[in-house]
PDB file of N, CA and C in Angstrom:
ATOM      1  N   MET A   1      97.749 115.350  84.552  1.00  0.00           N
ATOM      2  CA  MET A   1      98.929 114.969  84.175  1.00  0.00           C
ATOM      3  C   MET A   1     100.012 116.361  84.494  1.00  0.00           C
ATOM      4  N   PHE A   2      99.038 117.737  84.708  1.00  0.00           N
ATOM      5  CA  PHE A   2      99.836 118.969  85.250  1.00  0.00           C
ATOM      6  C   PHE A   2     100.066 118.873  86.721  1.00  0.00           C
ATOM      7  N   PHE A   3      99.237 118.077  87.344  1.00  0.00           N
ATOM      8  CA  PHE A   3      99.441 118.283  89.007  1.00  0.00           C
ATOM      9  C   PHE A   3     100.657 117.158  89.424  1.00  0.00           C
ATOM     10  N   ALA A   4     100.447 115.969  88.405  1.00  0.00           N
ATOM     11  CA  ALA A   4     101.826 114.887  88.605  1.00  0.00           C
ATOM     12  C   ALA A   4     102.877 115.611  88.604  1.00  0.00           C
ATOM     13  N   ILE A   5     103.081 116.258  87.268  1.00  0.00           N
ATOM     14  CA  ILE A   5     104.420 117.267  87.520  1.00  0.00           C
ATOM     15  C   ILE A   5     104.601 118.158  88.570  1.00  0.00           C
ATOM     16  N   LEU A   6     103.554 118.773  88.831  1.00  0.00           N
ATOM     17  CA  LEU A   6     103.840 119.858  89.941  1.00  0.00           C
ATOM     18  C   LEU A   6     104.059 119.179  91.140  1.00  0.00           C
ATOM     19  N   ILE A   7     103.272 117.974  91.254  1.00  0.00           N
ATOM     20  CA  ILE A   7     103.857 117.202  92.568  1.00  0.00           C
ATOM     21  C   ILE A   7     105.296 116.823  92.728  1.00  0.00           C
ATOM     22  N   PHE A   8     105.780 116.081  91.388  1.00  0.00           N
ATOM     23  CA  PHE A   8     107.083 115.675  91.211  1.00  0.00           C
ATOM     24  C   PHE A   8     108.191 116.943  91.332  1.00  0.00           C
ATOM     25  N   LEU A   9     107.523 118.055  91.170  1.00  0.00           N
ATOM     26  CA  LEU A   9     108.619 118.977  91.004  1.00  0.00           C
ATOM     27  C   LEU A   9     108.721 119.666  92.592  1.00  0.00           C
ATOM     28  N   VAL A  10     107.572 119.770  93.500  1.00  0.00           N
ATOM     29  CA  VAL A  10     107.580 120.007  94.562  1.00  0.00           C
ATOM     30  C   VAL A  10     108.363 118.895  95.608  1.00  0.00           C
ATOM     31  N   LEU A  11     108.304 117.769  95.217  1.00  0.00           N
ATOM     32  CA  LEU A  11     109.062 116.708  95.885  1.00  0.00           C
ATOM     33  C   LEU A  11     110.328 116.605  95.877  1.00  0.00           C
ATOM     34  N   PHE A  12     110.444 117.097  94.395  1.00  0.00           N
ATOM     35  CA  PHE A  12     112.246 116.973  94.130  1.00  0.00           C
ATOM     36  C   PHE A  12     112.860 118.357  94.612  1.00  0.00           C
ATOM     37  N   VAL A  13     112.093 119.624  94.709  1.00  0.00           N
ATOM     38  CA  VAL A  13     112.816 120.768  95.551  1.00  0.00           C
ATOM     39  C   VAL A  13     112.859 120.395  96.852  1.00  0.00           C
ATOM     40  N   LEU A  14     111.957 119.744  97.854  1.00  0.00           N
ATOM     41  CA  LEU A  14     111.678 119.468  98.974  1.00  0.00           C
ATOM     42  C   LEU A  14     112.974 118.410  99.497  1.00  0.00           C
ATOM     43  N   SER A  15     113.168 117.598  98.544  1.00  0.00           N
ATOM     44  CA  SER A  15     114.201 116.461  98.531  1.00  0.00           C
ATOM     45  C   SER A  15     115.702 117.266  98.676  1.00  0.00           C
ATOM     46  N   SER A  16     115.825 118.106  97.666  1.00  0.00           N
ATOM     47  CA  SER A  16     116.924 118.507  97.716  1.00  0.00           C
ATOM     48  C   SER A  16     117.588 119.494  98.541  1.00  0.00           C
ATOM     49  N   LEU A  17     116.393 120.228  99.293  1.00  0.00           N
ATOM     50  CA  LEU A  17     116.542 121.016 100.544  1.00  0.00           C
ATOM     51  C   LEU A  17     117.001 119.948 101.604  1.00  0.00           C
ATOM     52  N   VAL A  18     116.474 118.731 101.953  1.00  0.00           N
ATOM     53  CA  VAL A  18     116.517 117.602 102.533  1.00  0.00           C
ATOM     54  C   VAL A  18     117.789 117.467 102.708  1.00  0.00           C
ATOM     55  N   ALA A  19     118.451 117.220 101.522  1.00  0.00           N
ATOM     56  CA  ALA A  19     119.613 116.494 101.079  1.00  0.00           C
ATOM     57  C   ALA A  19     120.841 117.352 101.619  1.00  0.00           C
ATOM     58  N   VAL A  20     120.630 118.828 101.264  1.00  0.00           N
ATOM     59  CA  VAL A  20     121.735 119.744 101.442  1.00  0.00           C
ATOM     60  C   VAL A  20     121.832 120.027 103.201  1.00  0.00           C
ATOM     61  N   GLY A  21     120.447 119.850 103.969  1.00  0.00           N
ATOM     62  CA  GLY A  21     120.564 119.631 104.923  1.00  0.00           C
ATOM     63  C   GLY A  21     121.213 118.466 105.803  1.00  0.00           C
ATOM     64  N   ILE A  22     120.997 117.637 105.467  1.00  0.00           N
ATOM     65  CA  ILE A  22     121.845 116.113 105.903  1.00  0.00           C
ATOM     66  C   ILE A  22     123.419 116.438 105.375  1.00  0.00           C
ATOM     67  N   GLY A  23     123.525 117.156 104.166  1.00  0.00           N
ATOM     68  CA  GLY A  23     125.031 117.171 104.050  1.00  0.00           C
ATOM     69  C   GLY A  23     125.751 118.065 105.053  1.00  0.00           C
ATOM     70  N   TYR A  24     125.034 119.207 105.276  1.00  0.00           N
ATOM     71  CA  TYR A  24     125.686 119.680 106.470  1.00  0.00           C
ATOM     72  C   TYR A  24     125.974 119.137 107.624  1.00  0.00           C
ATOM     73  N   VAL A  25     125.059 118.638 108.083  1.00  0.00           N
ATOM     74  CA  VAL A  25     124.952 117.241 109.108  1.00  0.00           C
ATOM     75  C   VAL A  25     126.169 116.519 109.047  1.00  0.00           C
ATOM     76  N   LEU A  26     126.423 116.088 108.192  1.00  0.00           N
ATOM     77  CA  LEU A  26     127.391 114.841 107.800  1.00  0.00           C
ATOM     78  C   LEU A  26     128.680 115.778 108.020  1.00  0.00           C
ATOM     79  N   HIS A  27     128.767 116.903 107.483  1.00  0.00           N
ATOM     80  CA  HIS A  27     129.987 117.795 107.422  1.00  0.00           C
ATOM     81  C   HIS A  27     130.248 118.033 108.939  1.00  0.00           C
ATOM     82  N   TRP A  28     129.157 118.452 109.740  1.00  0.00           N
ATOM     83  CA  TRP A  28     129.616 118.637 111.188  1.00  0.00           C
ATOM     84  C   TRP A  28     130.151 117.566 111.984  1.00  0.00           C
ATOM     85  N   VAL A  29     129.418 116.473 111.530  1.00  0.00           N
ATOM     86  CA  VAL A  29     129.721 115.237 112.494  1.00  0.00           C
ATOM     87  C   VAL A  29     130.893 114.400 112.102  1.00  0.00           C
ATOM     88  N   LEU A  30     131.117 114.145 110.780  1.00  0.00           N
ATOM     89  CA  LEU A  30     132.135 113.539 110.185  1.00  0.00           C
ATOM     90  C   LEU A  30     133.139 114.339 109.587  1.00  0.00           C
ATOM     91  N   PRO A  31     134.500 113.672 109.377  1.00  0.00           N
ATOM     92  CA  PRO A  31     135.252 114.878 108.498  1.00  0.00           C
ATOM     93  C   PRO A  31     135.432 114.995 107.290  1.00  0.00           C
ATOM     94  N   ILE A  32     134.343 115.238 106.621  1.00  0.00           N
ATOM     95  CA  ILE A  32     134.026 115.149 105.268  1.00  0.00           C
ATOM     96  C   ILE A  32     134.079 116.405 104.754  1.00  0.00           C
ATOM     97  N   ASN A  33     134.527 116.623 103.529  1.00  0.00           N
ATOM     98  CA  ASN A  33     134.476 118.096 103.028  1.00  0.00           C
ATOM     99  C   ASN A  33     132.987 118.391 103.046  1.00  0.00           C
ATOM    100  N   LEU A  34     132.629 119.894 102.823  1.00  0.00           N
ATOM    101  CA  LEU A  34     131.225 120.248 102.665  1.00  0.00           C
ATOM    102  C   LEU A  34     130.722 119.839 101.586  1.00  0.00           C
ATOM    103  N   ASP A  35     131.262 120.201 100.154  1.00  0.00           N
ATOM    104  CA  ASP A  35     130.841 119.766  98.940  1.00  0.00           C
ATOM    105  C   ASP A  35     130.666 118.487  98.669  1.00  0.00           C
ATOM    106  N   SER A  36     131.559 117.296  99.272  1.00  0.00           N
ATOM    107  CA  SER A  36     131.428 116.328  98.804  1.00  0.00           C
ATOM    108  C   SER A  36     130.222 115.381  99.569  1.00  0.00           C
ATOM    109  N   ALA A  37     129.907 116.112 100.994  1.00  0.00           N
ATOM    110  CA  ALA A  37     128.792 115.713 101.745  1.00  0.00           C
ATOM    111  C   ALA A  37     127.261 115.930 101.071  1.00  0.00           C
ATOM    112  N   ILE A  38     127.151 117.263 100.704  1.00  0.00           N
ATOM    113  CA  ILE A  38     126.036 117.424  99.925  1.00  0.00           C
ATOM    114  C   ILE A  38     125.954 116.848  98.823  1.00  0.00           C
ATOM    115  N   ILE A  39     127.010 116.637  97.947  1.00  0.00           N
ATOM    116  CA  ILE A  39     127.053 116.043  96.718  1.00  0.00           C
ATOM    117  C   ILE A  39     126.299 114.516  97.264  1.00  0.00           C
ATOM    118  N   ALA A  40     127.019 114.046  98.057  1.00  0.00           N
ATOM    119  CA  ALA A  40     126.397 112.452  98.608  1.00  0.00           C
ATOM    120  C   ALA A  40     125.071 112.335  98.814  1.00  0.00           C
ATOM    121  N   SER A  41     124.565 113.300  99.610  1.00  0.00           N
ATOM    122  CA  SER A  41     123.329 113.317 100.411  1.00  0.00           C
ATOM    123  C   SER A  41     122.211 113.591  98.986  1.00  0.00           C
ATOM    124  N   THR A  42     122.851 114.605  98.071  1.00  0.00           N
ATOM    125  CA  THR A  42     121.682 114.725  96.692  1.00  0.00           C
ATOM    126  C   THR A  42     121.621 113.429  96.227  1.00  0.00           C
ATOM    127  N   VAL A  43     122.658 113.039  95.956  1.00  0.00           N
ATOM    128  CA  VAL A  43     122.567 111.473  95.195  1.00  0.00           C
ATOM    129  C   VAL A  43     121.806 110.435  95.817  1.00  0.00           C
ATOM    130  N   LEU A  44     122.113 110.255  97.023  1.00  0.00           N
ATOM    131  CA  LEU A  44     121.023 109.259  97.935  1.00  0.00           C
ATOM    132  C   LEU A  44     119.389 109.808  97.937  1.00  0.00           C
ATOM    133  N   ALA A  45     119.544 111.140  97.742  1.00  0.00           N
ATOM    134  CA  ALA A  45     117.957 111.571  98.027  1.00  0.00           C
ATOM    135  C   ALA A  45     117.363 111.496  96.594  1.00  0.00           C
ATOM    136  N   TYR A  46     118.095 111.691  95.334  1.00  0.00           N
ATOM    137  CA  TYR A  46     117.370 111.458  94.172  1.00  0.00           C
ATOM    138  C   TYR A  46     117.402 110.128  93.688  1.00  0.00           C
ATOM    139  N   THR A  47     118.130 109.206  94.100  1.00  0.00           N
ATOM    140  CA  THR A  47     118.051 107.738  94.196  1.00  0.00           C
ATOM    141  C   THR A  47     116.862 107.258  94.910  1.00  0.00           C
ATOM    142  N   ALA A  48     116.801 107.728  96.060  1.00  0.00           N
ATOM    143  CA  ALA A  48     115.634 107.079  97.001  1.00  0.00           C
ATOM    144  C   ALA A  48     114.447 107.486  96.100  1.00  0.00           C
ATOM    145  N   ILE A  49     114.064 108.985  95.688  1.00  0.00           N
ATOM    146  CA  ILE A  49     112.959 109.301  95.012  1.00  0.00           C
ATOM    147  C   ILE A  49     112.930 108.186  93.544  1.00  0.00           C
ATOM    148  N   SER A  50     113.855 108.019  92.742  1.00  0.00           N
ATOM    149  CA  SER A  50     113.484 107.486  91.484  1.00  0.00           C
ATOM    150  C   SER A  50     113.149 106.119  91.814  1.00  0.00           C
ATOM    151  N   LEU A  51     113.830 105.267  92.935  1.00  0.00           N
ATOM    152  CA  LEU A  51     113.457 103.849  93.435  1.00  0.00           C
ATOM    153  C   LEU A  51     111.620 103.967  93.626  1.00  0.00           C
ATOM    154  N   THR A  52     111.332 105.205  94.519  1.00  0.00           N
ATOM    155  CA  THR A  52     109.777 105.128  95.157  1.00  0.00           C
ATOM    156  C   THR A  52     109.423 104.975  93.719  1.00  0.00           C
ATOM    157  N   ILE A  53     109.585 105.960  92.644  1.00  0.00           N
ATOM    158  CA  ILE A  53     108.728 105.998  91.492  1.00  0.00           C
ATOM    159  C   ILE A  53     108.483 104.907  90.579  1.00  0.00           C
ATOM    160  N   LYS A  54     109.584 103.888  90.692  1.00  0.00           N
ATOM    161  CA  LYS A  54     109.640 102.737  90.003  1.00  0.00           C
ATOM    162  C   LYS A  54     108.718 101.780  91.066  1.00  0.00           C
ATOM    163  N   LEU A  55     109.077 101.706  92.029  1.00  0.00           N
ATOM    164  CA  LEU A  55     108.303 100.690  92.615  1.00  0.00           C
ATOM    165  C   LEU A  55     106.688 101.135  92.855  1.00  0.00           C
ATOM    166  N   MET A  56     106.333 102.219  92.891  1.00  0.00           N
ATOM    167  CA  MET A  56     104.928 102.898  92.542  1.00  0.00           C
ATOM    168  C   MET A  56     104.357 102.268  91.347  1.00  0.00           C
ATOM    169  N   GLY A  57     105.208 102.429  90.156  1.00  0.00           N
ATOM    170  CA  GLY A  57     104.718 101.897  88.870  1.00  0.00           C
ATOM    171  C   GLY A  57     104.796 100.198  89.120  1.00  0.00           C
ATOM    172  N   LEU A  58     105.427  99.611  89.815  1.00  0.00           N
ATOM    173  CA  LEU A  58     105.367  98.064  89.902  1.00  0.00           C
ATOM    174  C   LEU A  58     104.440  97.581  90.613  1.00  0.00           C
ATOM    175  N   PHE A  59     104.164  98.256  91.438  1.00  0.00           N
ATOM    176  CA  PHE A  59     102.737  97.844  92.215  1.00  0.00           C
ATOM    177  C   PHE A  59     101.446  98.337  91.240  1.00  0.00           C
ATOM    178  N   ASN A  60     101.441  99.129  90.931  1.00  0.00           N
ATOM    179  CA  ASN A  60     100.381  99.367  89.996  1.00  0.00           C
ATOM    180  C   ASN A  60     100.066  98.490  88.877  1.00  0.00           C
ATOM    181  N   SER A  61     101.101  98.080  88.175  1.00  0.00           N
ATOM    182  CA  SER A  61     101.406  97.021  87.352  1.00  0.00           C
ATOM    183  C   SER A  61     101.045  95.586  87.864  1.00  0.00           C
ATOM    184  N   LEU A  62     101.355  95.329  89.056  1.00  0.00           N
ATOM    185  CA  LEU A  62     100.803  94.023  89.464  1.00  0.00           C
ATOM    186  C   LEU A  62      99.607  94.274  90.225  1.00  0.00           C
ATOM    187  N   GLN A  63      99.069  95.094  90.316  1.00  0.00           N
ATOM    188  CA  GLN A  63      97.589  95.265  91.053  1.00  0.00           C
ATOM    189  C   GLN A  63      96.694  95.095  89.813  1.00  0.00           C
ATOM    190  N   GLU A  64      96.897  95.755  88.305  1.00  0.00           N
ATOM    191  CA  GLU A  64      96.245  95.800  87.142  1.00  0.00           C
ATOM    192  C   GLU A  64      96.146  94.025  86.892  1.00  0.00           C
ATOM    193  N   GLU A  65      97.406  93.617  86.920  1.00  0.00           N
ATOM    194  CA  GLU A  65      97.695  92.282  86.766  1.00  0.00           C
ATOM    195  C   GLU A  65      96.551  91.187  87.662  1.00  0.00           C
ATOM    196  N   GLN A  66      96.618  91.474  88.512  1.00  0.00           N
ATOM    197  CA  GLN A  66      95.827  91.072  89.433  1.00  0.00           C
ATOM    198  C   GLN A  66      94.327  90.729  89.407  1.00  0.00           C
ATOM    199  N   GLU A  67      93.684  92.150  88.901  1.00  0.00           N
ATOM    200  CA  GLU A  67      92.224  92.522  88.415  1.00  0.00           C
ATOM    201  C   GLU A  67      92.221  91.616  87.185  1.00  0.00           C
ATOM    202  N   ASN A  68      92.956  90.988  86.433  1.00  0.00           N
ATOM    203  CA  ASN A  68      92.767  90.409  84.974  1.00  0.00           C
ATOM    204  C   ASN A  68      92.885  88.693  85.425  1.00  0.00           C
ATOM    205  N   GLU A  69      92.984  88.556  86.521  1.00  0.00           N
ATOM    206  CA  GLU A  69      92.974  86.946  87.041  1.00  0.00           C
ATOM    207  C   GLU A  69      91.786  86.140  87.615  1.00  0.00           C
ATOM    208  N   VAL A  70      91.539  85.208  87.267  1.00  0.00           N
ATOM    209  CA  VAL A  70      90.477  84.400  88.424  1.00  0.00           C
ATOM    210  C   VAL A  70      91.084  83.137  88.702  1.00  0.00           C
ATOM    211  N   ILE A  71      90.774  83.120  89.932  1.00  0.00           N
ATOM    212  CA  ILE A  71      91.425  81.820  90.878  1.00  0.00           C
ATOM    213  C   ILE A  71      90.442  80.796  91.041  1.00  0.00           C
ATOM    214  N   ILE A  72      90.419  79.686  90.497  1.00  0.00           N
ATOM    215  CA  ILE A  72      89.742  78.606  90.355  1.00  0.00           C
ATOM    216  C   ILE A  72      90.256  77.479  91.161  1.00  0.00           C
ATOM    217  N   PRO A  73      89.504  77.366  92.434  1.00  0.00           N
ATOM    218  CA  PRO A  73      90.084  76.364  93.326  1.00  0.00           C
ATOM    219  C   PRO A  73      89.843  74.761  92.831  1.00  0.00           C
ATOM    220  N   ILE A  74      91.156  73.982  92.913  1.00  0.00           N
ATOM    221  CA  ILE A  74      90.948  72.633  92.386  1.00  0.00           C
ATOM    222  C   ILE A  74      90.850  71.530  93.561  1.00  0.00           C
ATOM    223  N   LYS A  75      90.310  70.816  93.771  1.00  0.00           N
ATOM    224  CA  LYS A  75      90.193  69.856  94.742  1.00  0.00           C
ATOM    225  C   LYS A  75      91.385  68.795  94.872  1.00  0.00           C
ATOM    226  N   GLY A  76      92.202  68.786  95.943  1.00  0.00           N
ATOM    227  CA  GLY A  76      93.528  68.111  96.172  1.00  0.00           C
ATOM    228  C   GLY A  76      93.450  67.061  97.080  1.00  0.00           C
ATOM    229  N   ILE A  77      94.936  66.928  97.584  1.00  0.00           N
ATOM    230  CA  ILE A  77      94.672  66.191  98.932  1.00  0.00           C
ATOM    231  C   ILE A  77      95.521  67.252  99.804  1.00  0.00           C
ATOM    232  N   GLY A  78      94.967  67.602 100.888  1.00  0.00           N
ATOM    233  CA  GLY A  78      95.405  68.578 101.922  1.00  0.00           C
ATOM    234  C   GLY A  78      96.346  69.533 101.342  1.00  0.00           C
ATOM    235  N   ARG A  79      97.713  69.810 101.825  1.00  0.00           N
ATOM    236  CA  ARG A  79      98.308  70.769 101.225  1.00  0.00           C
ATOM    237  C   ARG A  79      98.722  70.499  99.715  1.00  0.00           C
ATOM    238  N   PHE A  80      98.470  69.739  99.267  1.00  0.00           N
ATOM    239  CA  PHE A  80      98.938  69.502  98.016  1.00  0.00           C
ATOM    240  C   PHE A  80      98.038  70.071  96.819  1.00  0.00           C
ATOM    241  N   ALA A  81      96.983  70.739  97.443  1.00  0.00           N
ATOM    242  CA  ALA A  81      95.855  71.477  96.443  1.00  0.00           C
ATOM    243  C   ALA A  81      96.144  72.511  96.062  1.00  0.00           C
ATOM    244  N   GLN A  82      96.711  72.899  94.884  1.00  0.00           N
ATOM    245  CA  GLN A  82      96.820  73.940  94.393  1.00  0.00           C
ATOM    246  C   GLN A  82      96.040  74.676  93.553  1.00  0.00           C
ATOM    247  N   PRO A  83      95.792  76.023  93.807  1.00  0.00           N
ATOM    248  CA  PRO A  83      94.788  76.817  92.914  1.00  0.00           C
ATOM    249  C   PRO A  83      95.287  76.998  91.421  1.00  0.00           C
ATOM    250  N   TYR A  84      94.449  77.214  90.283  1.00  0.00           N
ATOM    251  CA  TYR A  84      94.537  77.377  89.095  1.00  0.00           C
ATOM    252  C   TYR A  84      94.318  78.753  88.617  1.00  0.00           C
ATOM    253  N   VAL A  85      95.186  79.202  88.146  1.00  0.00           N
ATOM    254  CA  VAL A  85      95.096  80.694  88.040  1.00  0.00           C
ATOM    255  C   VAL A  85      94.878  81.068  86.362  1.00  0.00           C
ATOM    256  N   ARG A  86      93.634  81.294  85.913  1.00  0.00           N
ATOM    257  CA  ARG A  86      93.222  81.353  84.800  1.00  0.00           C
ATOM    258  C   ARG A  86      93.207  83.191  84.514  1.00  0.00           C
ATOM    259  N   LYS A  87      93.631  83.508  83.398  1.00  0.00           N
ATOM    260  CA  LYS A  87      93.402  84.872  82.797  1.00  0.00           C
ATOM    261  C   LYS A  87      91.736  84.995  82.453  1.00  0.00           C
ATOM    262  N   LYS A  88      91.489  86.185  82.943  1.00  0.00           N
ATOM    263  CA  LYS A  88      90.134  86.774  82.378  1.00  0.00           C
ATOM    264  C   LYS A  88      90.220  86.976  80.718  1.00  0.00           C
ATOM    265  N   ARG A  89      88.990  86.588  80.009  1.00  0.00           N
ATOM    266  CA  ARG A  89      88.765  86.757  78.756  1.00  0.00           C
ATOM    267  C   ARG A  89      88.271  88.328  78.721  1.00  0.00           C
ATOM    268  N   LYS A  90      88.887  88.618  77.754  1.00  0.00           N
ATOM    269  CA  LYS A  90      88.164  90.074  77.263  1.00  0.00           C
ATOM    270  C   LYS A  90      87.029  90.060  76.485  1.00  0.00           C
ATOM    271  N   ASN A  91      85.890  90.954  76.739  1.00  0.00           N
ATOM    272  CA  ASN A  91      84.808  90.835  75.604  1.00  0.00           C
ATOM    273  C   ASN A  91      85.219  91.304  74.333  1.00  0.00           C
ATOM    274  N   PRO A  92      84.527  90.931  73.302  1.00  0.00           N
ATOM    275  CA  PRO A  92      85.077  91.139  72.089  1.00  0.00           C
ATOM    276  C   PRO A  92      84.122  92.439  71.753  1.00  0.00           C
TER     277      PRO A  92
END
């Protein structure tokens, strides 16, 4: 747990530095106020981090769900044959 928090903090600091750099570039390229450019790029960076964390959690839950399923093929006619998905039973 400690390493996960440490990695998150390192990514948070690095993304903040990158966001400030992107804000400076936006200020030089576009006629945007420097404060507004830094705030906008920081919000985008934090949004990207939160979406990445949510997607990682979604993929982990999907992987756990797939491990609990058994696919039993059913005979059918050509492309109309559909597999039957059954949840694994937990041993008591």
